[in-house]
C-alpha cells in the first residue's frame, strides 16, 4: 500500500533529527495521528476521546514571532487541503498560532526553519512563498 503523505512526514522527521543541532526546539515537534482508516468501533471510540477531523498533522509548541506555536498540514503530490482542514488552519491563525499547509517535506522544513528563525518577541512577517491555504504571517 502506498502512503505518500506518510513518506513525506517520515522524511520531515528525518530532517528534524538532523536540524535539531541548530534548532534543539525541534525535539518538541510531533505528529497528531488523526488520519488513517479505522473500523467503525475504533472511529466511535476515538471521536469520544476527542479526535477531531481536519486538525493539522503537525504541531511545534514553540513560541516565536508573537505566535503561540506552529501547526502544519502536510500534503504530498497534488493533494490539497480539504475545506475542513482549511477551516482549522484559519481558526488556529485567529487564535494566535502560525499555521500552514505545505506540500512535501522540503516546504514544511522551510516553513519550520523560517518560523524558528523569528525572535520570540517579533511580530510575524507576511510571506507566502507559494504555500496553499492560510499561512499565518510567517
Protein backbone atom coordinates (compact mmCIF):
# COMPACT_ATOMS: atom_id res chain seq x y z
CA UNK A 1 0.00 0.00 0.00
CA UNK A 2 1.34 3.42 -1.00
CA UNK A 3 1.25 6.20 1.63
CA UNK A 4 2.89 9.28 0.08
CA UNK A 5 1.93 11.66 2.91
CA UNK A 6 3.37 9.22 5.44
CA UNK A 7 6.60 9.09 3.43
CA UNK A 8 6.78 12.90 3.34
CA UNK A 9 6.18 13.07 7.08
CA UNK A 10 8.87 10.47 7.80
CA UNK A 11 11.30 12.44 5.64
CA UNK A 12 10.43 15.62 7.57
CA UNK A 13 11.16 13.92 10.89
CA UNK A 14 14.46 12.61 9.47
CA UNK A 15 15.31 16.24 8.56
CA UNK A 16 14.21 17.43 12.02
CA UNK A 17 16.54 14.92 13.68
CA UNK A 18 19.43 16.34 11.67
CA UNK A 19 18.36 20.01 12.05
CA UNK A 20 17.97 19.84 15.82
CA UNK A 21 21.70 20.53 16.13
CA UNK A 22 20.82 24.07 15.01
CA UNK A 23 17.29 24.15 16.48
CA UNK A 24 17.02 21.98 19.62
CA UNK A 25 13.37 23.06 19.88
CA UNK A 26 12.66 20.53 17.12
CA UNK A 27 12.59 17.89 19.87
CA UNK A 28 9.09 19.26 20.59
CA UNK A 29 7.78 18.70 17.04
CA UNK A 30 5.13 15.99 16.99
CA UNK A 31 2.54 14.34 14.76
CA UNK A 32 -1.19 14.44 15.55
CA UNK A 33 -2.45 10.99 14.42
CA UNK A 34 -5.94 11.91 13.19
CA UNK A 35 -5.81 10.26 9.78
CA UNK A 36 -5.94 6.67 8.63
CA UNK A 37 -8.53 4.01 8.05
CA UNK A 38 -10.34 2.66 11.10
CA UNK A 39 -13.20 0.31 11.71
CA UNK A 40 -16.47 1.79 12.93
CA UNK A 41 -15.98 0.93 16.63
CA UNK A 42 -12.48 2.41 16.68
CA UNK A 43 -13.72 5.58 14.96
CA UNK A 44 -16.51 6.00 17.54
CA UNK A 45 -14.08 5.44 20.44
CA UNK A 46 -11.58 7.96 19.06
CA UNK A 47 -14.30 10.55 18.47
CA UNK A 48 -15.46 10.14 22.07
CA UNK A 49 -11.83 10.64 23.16
CA UNK A 50 -11.71 13.98 21.36
CA UNK A 51 -10.23 13.19 17.95
CA UNK A 52 -11.45 15.83 15.50
CA UNK A 53 -11.43 15.76 11.72
CA UNK A 54 -9.38 18.41 9.95
CA UNK A 55 -6.82 19.05 12.71
CA UNK A 56 -3.39 19.69 11.13
CA UNK A 57 -0.85 16.86 11.03
CA UNK A 58 2.00 18.51 12.92
CA UNK A 59 2.46 20.77 15.91
CA UNK A 60 5.56 22.62 17.09
CA UNK A 61 4.62 24.08 20.51
CA UNK A 62 7.35 26.72 20.48
CA UNK A 63 6.51 30.43 20.75
CA UNK A 64 8.05 32.66 18.08
CA UNK A 65 7.25 35.95 16.41
CA UNK A 66 4.24 36.67 18.61
CA UNK A 67 2.71 33.24 17.86
CA UNK A 68 1.93 30.58 20.47
CA UNK A 69 3.22 27.77 18.23
CA UNK A 70 3.15 26.36 14.70
CA UNK A 71 0.72 23.91 13.08
CA UNK A 72 1.33 22.30 9.68
CA UNK A 73 -0.98 20.31 7.45
CA UNK A 74 1.43 18.27 5.29
CA UNK A 75 0.34 17.20 1.82
CA UNK A 76 2.04 15.12 -0.85
CA UNK A 77 1.99 15.45 -4.62
CA UNK A 78 -1.14 17.13 -5.95
CA UNK A 79 -3.18 16.60 -2.77
CA UNK A 80 -4.71 19.75 -1.34
CA UNK A 81 -6.23 20.67 1.99
CA UNK A 82 -9.89 19.83 2.48
CA UNK A 83 -12.36 22.58 3.35
CA UNK A 84 -12.40 21.32 6.95
CA UNK A 85 -8.59 21.40 7.13
CA UNK A 86 -8.60 24.96 5.78
CA UNK A 87 -11.17 25.90 8.45
CA UNK A 88 -8.86 24.54 11.15
CA UNK A 89 -5.88 26.45 9.73
CA UNK A 90 -7.92 29.68 9.71
CA UNK A 91 -9.26 29.11 13.24
CA UNK A 92 -5.78 28.38 14.62
CA UNK A 93 -4.47 31.52 12.89
CA UNK A 94 -7.21 33.61 14.52
CA UNK A 95 -6.21 32.17 17.91
CA UNK A 96 -2.61 33.34 17.60
CA UNK A 97 -0.92 30.30 16.08
CA UNK A 98 1.14 30.23 12.93
CA UNK A 99 -0.49 27.67 10.65
CA UNK A 100 0.33 26.46 7.17
CA UNK A 101 -0.49 23.90 4.54
CA UNK A 102 2.73 22.59 2.99
CA UNK A 103 3.26 20.31 0.02
CA UNK A 104 6.19 17.99 0.65
CA UNK A 105 8.66 17.73 3.47
CA UNK A 106 11.02 20.29 1.91
CA UNK A 107 8.41 23.02 2.04
CA UNK A 108 7.47 22.05 5.60
CA UNK A 109 11.15 22.17 6.61
CA UNK A 110 11.43 25.66 5.07
CA UNK A 111 8.35 26.84 6.97
CA UNK A 112 9.69 25.42 10.23
CA UNK A 113 13.12 26.99 9.63
CA UNK A 114 11.55 30.38 8.88
CA UNK A 115 9.38 30.10 11.99
CA UNK A 116 12.24 29.13 14.29
CA UNK A 117 14.33 31.96 12.82
CA UNK A 118 11.93 34.55 14.22
CA UNK A 119 12.71 36.06 17.59
CA UNK A 120 10.29 35.34 20.42
CA UNK A 121 9.02 38.91 20.66
CA UNK A 122 9.00 39.75 16.94
CA UNK A 123 5.75 40.21 15.07
CA UNK A 124 5.19 37.65 12.33
CA UNK A 125 6.00 38.73 8.81
CA UNK A 126 3.81 38.23 5.77
CA UNK A 127 5.40 35.97 3.17
CA UNK A 128 3.52 33.26 1.31
CA UNK A 129 6.20 31.54 -0.86
CA UNK A 130 3.56 29.57 -2.76
CA UNK A 131 2.06 27.70 0.17
CA UNK A 132 -1.55 26.56 -0.13
CA UNK A 133 -4.29 27.98 2.02
CA UNK A 134 -3.87 30.20 5.04
CA UNK A 135 -0.40 30.82 6.32
CA UNK A 136 -0.37 32.84 9.49
CA UNK A 137 2.07 35.60 8.78
CA UNK A 138 5.41 33.81 8.67
